[in-house]
């Protein structure tokens, strides 16, 4: 078992190193964007979170207004129907 692991270890190192070299090459030529620094990632997260919260609040307000109009229309229709005498 130990012998088979020793056989694969050099190939794993080559593969890992090859991946790193490939990624750096692709970054250099602009195929992969570099990962922003930690502080920039935190800032991006906070901005996106604020945007989503604002959009969600706006959507909720629109849905509440729509629900209110619908319920008012239903009540109005019910009252009109109740006021009509049966034939």
N, C-alpha and C. Protein backbone atom coordinates (compact mmCIF):
# COMPACT_ATOMS: atom_id res chain seq x y z
N UNK A 1 0.83 -1.18 0.00
CA UNK A 1 0.00 0.00 0.00
C UNK A 1 0.88 1.24 0.00
N UNK A 2 1.89 1.26 0.83
CA UNK A 2 2.79 2.40 0.92
C UNK A 2 3.53 2.60 -0.39
N UNK A 3 3.88 1.50 -1.05
CA UNK A 3 4.62 1.59 -2.31
C UNK A 3 3.77 2.26 -3.40
N UNK A 4 2.47 1.96 -3.45
CA UNK A 4 1.63 2.57 -4.48
C UNK A 4 1.47 4.07 -4.21
N UNK A 5 1.42 4.45 -2.95
CA UNK A 5 1.29 5.87 -2.60
C UNK A 5 2.56 6.62 -3.00
N UNK A 6 3.70 6.00 -2.79
CA UNK A 6 4.96 6.63 -3.17
C UNK A 6 5.06 6.80 -4.68
N UNK A 7 4.44 5.92 -5.40
CA UNK A 7 4.45 6.00 -6.86
C UNK A 7 3.61 7.18 -7.35
N UNK A 8 2.48 7.45 -6.69
CA UNK A 8 1.57 8.51 -7.12
C UNK A 8 1.98 9.89 -6.62
N UNK A 9 2.75 9.97 -5.56
CA UNK A 9 3.11 11.26 -4.97
C UNK A 9 3.79 12.19 -5.97
N UNK A 10 4.78 11.75 -6.73
CA UNK A 10 5.41 12.67 -7.68
C UNK A 10 4.43 13.18 -8.75
N UNK A 11 3.52 12.32 -9.20
CA UNK A 11 2.56 12.76 -10.21
C UNK A 11 1.57 13.76 -9.62
N UNK A 12 1.22 13.60 -8.34
CA UNK A 12 0.32 14.56 -7.71
C UNK A 12 0.99 15.93 -7.60
N UNK A 13 2.27 15.95 -7.26
CA UNK A 13 3.01 17.20 -7.15
C UNK A 13 3.09 17.88 -8.51
N UNK A 14 3.37 17.13 -9.53
CA UNK A 14 3.45 17.69 -10.89
C UNK A 14 2.10 18.23 -11.32
N UNK A 15 1.05 17.50 -11.03
CA UNK A 15 -0.30 17.93 -11.41
C UNK A 15 -0.68 19.22 -10.69
N UNK A 16 -0.42 19.29 -9.39
CA UNK A 16 -0.74 20.48 -8.61
C UNK A 16 0.06 21.67 -9.10
N UNK A 17 1.34 21.46 -9.32
CA UNK A 17 2.19 22.53 -9.84
C UNK A 17 1.76 22.97 -11.23
N UNK A 18 1.37 22.00 -12.05
CA UNK A 18 0.89 22.33 -13.40
C UNK A 18 -0.38 23.16 -13.36
N UNK A 19 -1.25 22.87 -12.41
CA UNK A 19 -2.48 23.63 -12.26
C UNK A 19 -2.15 25.08 -11.89
N UNK A 20 -1.26 25.27 -10.95
CA UNK A 20 -0.86 26.61 -10.53
C UNK A 20 -0.26 27.38 -11.69
N UNK A 21 0.61 26.75 -12.43
CA UNK A 21 1.24 27.41 -13.58
C UNK A 21 0.18 27.76 -14.62
N UNK A 22 -0.74 26.85 -14.89
CA UNK A 22 -1.80 27.10 -15.86
C UNK A 22 -2.68 28.28 -15.45
N UNK A 23 -3.06 28.32 -14.18
CA UNK A 23 -3.90 29.41 -13.69
C UNK A 23 -3.17 30.74 -13.81
N UNK A 24 -1.91 30.77 -13.41
CA UNK A 24 -1.14 32.02 -13.52
C UNK A 24 -1.02 32.46 -14.98
N UNK A 25 -0.82 31.53 -15.89
CA UNK A 25 -0.73 31.84 -17.31
C UNK A 25 -2.05 32.43 -17.81
N UNK A 26 -3.16 31.81 -17.44
CA UNK A 26 -4.47 32.29 -17.87
C UNK A 26 -4.79 33.66 -17.28
N UNK A 27 -4.37 33.91 -16.05
CA UNK A 27 -4.54 35.25 -15.45
C UNK A 27 -3.73 36.28 -16.23
N UNK A 28 -2.50 35.93 -16.54
CA UNK A 28 -1.61 36.85 -17.25
C UNK A 28 -2.21 37.28 -18.59
N UNK A 29 -2.81 36.36 -19.30
CA UNK A 29 -3.37 36.66 -20.62
C UNK A 29 -4.83 37.13 -20.56
N UNK A 30 -5.38 37.25 -19.37
CA UNK A 30 -6.71 37.82 -19.21
C UNK A 30 -7.88 36.86 -19.37
N UNK A 31 -7.61 35.57 -19.38
CA UNK A 31 -8.69 34.60 -19.50
C UNK A 31 -9.37 34.34 -18.16
N UNK A 32 -8.66 34.57 -17.07
CA UNK A 32 -9.20 34.41 -15.73
C UNK A 32 -8.94 35.70 -14.98
N UNK A 33 -9.98 36.21 -14.31
CA UNK A 33 -9.80 37.40 -13.49
C UNK A 33 -9.15 37.00 -12.17
N UNK A 34 -8.22 37.81 -11.68
CA UNK A 34 -7.64 37.50 -10.37
C UNK A 34 -8.68 37.73 -9.26
N UNK A 35 -8.55 36.99 -8.19
CA UNK A 35 -9.48 37.12 -7.06
C UNK A 35 -9.17 38.43 -6.34
N UNK A 36 -10.21 39.25 -6.09
CA UNK A 36 -9.97 40.51 -5.37
C UNK A 36 -9.49 40.26 -3.93
N UNK A 37 -8.85 41.26 -3.34
CA UNK A 37 -8.42 41.10 -1.94
C UNK A 37 -9.62 40.92 -1.01
N UNK A 38 -9.35 40.42 0.17
CA UNK A 38 -10.39 40.11 1.15
C UNK A 38 -11.28 41.33 1.45
N UNK A 39 -10.68 42.48 1.64
CA UNK A 39 -11.45 43.69 1.96
C UNK A 39 -12.38 44.07 0.81
N UNK A 40 -11.91 43.91 -0.41
CA UNK A 40 -12.74 44.21 -1.58
C UNK A 40 -13.92 43.24 -1.66
N UNK A 41 -13.67 41.97 -1.35
CA UNK A 41 -14.75 40.98 -1.35
C UNK A 41 -15.81 41.33 -0.30
N UNK A 42 -15.37 41.77 0.89
CA UNK A 42 -16.31 42.17 1.94
C UNK A 42 -17.14 43.35 1.47
N UNK A 43 -16.49 44.32 0.84
CA UNK A 43 -17.19 45.51 0.33
C UNK A 43 -18.22 45.13 -0.73
N UNK A 44 -17.82 44.25 -1.66
CA UNK A 44 -18.73 43.81 -2.71
C UNK A 44 -19.93 43.10 -2.10
N UNK A 45 -19.70 42.27 -1.08
CA UNK A 45 -20.77 41.55 -0.41
C UNK A 45 -21.76 42.52 0.24
N UNK A 46 -21.22 43.51 0.96
CA UNK A 46 -22.08 44.48 1.64
C UNK A 46 -22.91 45.28 0.64
N UNK A 47 -22.31 45.68 -0.48
CA UNK A 47 -23.03 46.43 -1.51
C UNK A 47 -24.16 45.60 -2.10
N UNK A 48 -23.87 44.35 -2.42
CA UNK A 48 -24.88 43.47 -3.00
C UNK A 48 -26.00 43.20 -2.01
N UNK A 49 -25.64 43.01 -0.75
CA UNK A 49 -26.63 42.75 0.29
C UNK A 49 -27.57 43.95 0.42
N UNK A 50 -27.01 45.17 0.43
CA UNK A 50 -27.82 46.38 0.56
C UNK A 50 -28.75 46.53 -0.64
N UNK A 51 -28.24 46.26 -1.83
CA UNK A 51 -29.06 46.35 -3.04
C UNK A 51 -30.21 45.36 -2.99
N UNK A 52 -29.93 44.12 -2.60
CA UNK A 52 -30.98 43.11 -2.53
C UNK A 52 -32.03 43.45 -1.48
N UNK A 53 -31.59 43.97 -0.34
CA UNK A 53 -32.53 44.36 0.71
C UNK A 53 -33.44 45.48 0.22
N UNK A 54 -32.87 46.46 -0.47
CA UNK A 54 -33.65 47.58 -1.00
C UNK A 54 -34.66 47.09 -2.05
N UNK A 55 -34.20 46.26 -2.96
CA UNK A 55 -35.09 45.74 -4.00
C UNK A 55 -36.20 44.88 -3.41
N UNK A 56 -35.87 44.08 -2.41
CA UNK A 56 -36.86 43.24 -1.75
C UNK A 56 -37.91 44.09 -1.06
N UNK A 57 -37.48 45.15 -0.39
CA UNK A 57 -38.43 46.04 0.30
C UNK A 57 -39.36 46.72 -0.71
N UNK A 58 -38.81 47.15 -1.83
CA UNK A 58 -39.63 47.79 -2.87
C UNK A 58 -40.64 46.80 -3.45
N UNK A 59 -40.19 45.59 -3.71
CA UNK A 59 -41.08 44.56 -4.27
C UNK A 59 -42.18 44.21 -3.27
N UNK A 60 -41.84 44.12 -2.00
CA UNK A 60 -42.83 43.82 -0.97
C UNK A 60 -43.87 44.93 -0.91
N UNK A 61 -43.44 46.17 -1.00
CA UNK A 61 -44.38 47.30 -0.97
C UNK A 61 -45.33 47.25 -2.16
N UNK A 62 -44.80 46.95 -3.35
CA UNK A 62 -45.64 46.84 -4.55
C UNK A 62 -46.66 45.71 -4.40
N UNK A 63 -46.22 44.57 -3.87
CA UNK A 63 -47.12 43.44 -3.69
C UNK A 63 -48.22 43.75 -2.67
N UNK A 64 -47.87 44.48 -1.61
CA UNK A 64 -48.87 44.86 -0.62
C UNK A 64 -49.90 45.81 -1.21
N UNK A 65 -49.45 46.77 -2.03
CA UNK A 65 -50.38 47.70 -2.69
C UNK A 65 -51.31 46.94 -3.63
N UNK A 66 -50.76 46.01 -4.38
CA UNK A 66 -51.55 45.21 -5.31
C UNK A 66 -52.59 44.38 -4.55
N UNK A 67 -52.18 43.78 -3.44
CA UNK A 67 -53.10 42.99 -2.63
C UNK A 67 -54.21 43.86 -2.06
N UNK A 68 -53.87 45.05 -1.63
CA UNK A 68 -54.88 45.96 -1.07
C UNK A 68 -55.90 46.34 -2.14
N UNK A 69 -55.44 46.66 -3.35
CA UNK A 69 -56.36 47.02 -4.44
C UNK A 69 -57.26 45.84 -4.79
N UNK A 70 -56.69 44.65 -4.84
CA UNK A 70 -57.47 43.46 -5.17
C UNK A 70 -58.55 43.21 -4.12
N UNK A 71 -58.17 43.32 -2.86
CA UNK A 71 -59.15 43.07 -1.81
C UNK A 71 -60.24 44.14 -1.82
N UNK A 72 -59.87 45.39 -2.09
CA UNK A 72 -60.87 46.46 -2.18
C UNK A 72 -61.84 46.19 -3.33
N UNK A 73 -61.31 45.74 -4.47
CA UNK A 73 -62.17 45.42 -5.62
C UNK A 73 -63.11 44.26 -5.29
N UNK A 74 -62.60 43.27 -4.59
CA UNK A 74 -63.45 42.13 -4.24
C UNK A 74 -64.55 42.55 -3.27
N UNK A 75 -64.20 43.39 -2.30
CA UNK A 75 -65.21 43.87 -1.34
C UNK A 75 -66.26 44.70 -2.06
N UNK A 76 -65.82 45.58 -2.96
CA UNK A 76 -66.74 46.41 -3.73
C UNK A 76 -67.69 45.53 -4.56
N UNK A 77 -67.14 44.52 -5.22
CA UNK A 77 -67.95 43.61 -6.01
C UNK A 77 -68.94 42.84 -5.17
N UNK A 78 -68.50 42.41 -4.00
CA UNK A 78 -69.40 41.68 -3.10
C UNK A 78 -70.55 42.57 -2.65
N UNK A 79 -70.24 43.81 -2.32
CA UNK A 79 -71.28 44.73 -1.87
C UNK A 79 -72.27 45.03 -2.99
N UNK A 80 -71.77 45.20 -4.22
CA UNK A 80 -72.68 45.43 -5.35
C UNK A 80 -73.59 44.23 -5.54
N UNK A 81 -73.01 43.07 -5.44
CA UNK A 81 -73.81 41.84 -5.61
C UNK A 81 -74.84 41.71 -4.48
N UNK A 82 -74.49 42.07 -3.28
CA UNK A 82 -75.39 41.96 -2.14
C UNK A 82 -76.53 42.99 -2.22
N UNK A 83 -76.27 44.13 -2.84
CA UNK A 83 -77.27 45.18 -2.93
C UNK A 83 -78.34 44.88 -4.00
N UNK A 84 -77.99 44.09 -5.00
CA UNK A 84 -78.93 43.78 -6.07
C UNK A 84 -80.03 42.89 -5.55
N UNK A 85 -81.27 43.25 -5.83
CA UNK A 85 -82.37 42.38 -5.40
C UNK A 85 -82.44 41.13 -6.28
N UNK A 86 -82.79 40.02 -5.67
CA UNK A 86 -82.97 38.78 -6.43
C UNK A 86 -84.23 38.88 -7.24
N UNK A 87 -84.24 38.31 -8.41
CA UNK A 87 -85.43 38.37 -9.28
C UNK A 87 -86.36 37.25 -9.00
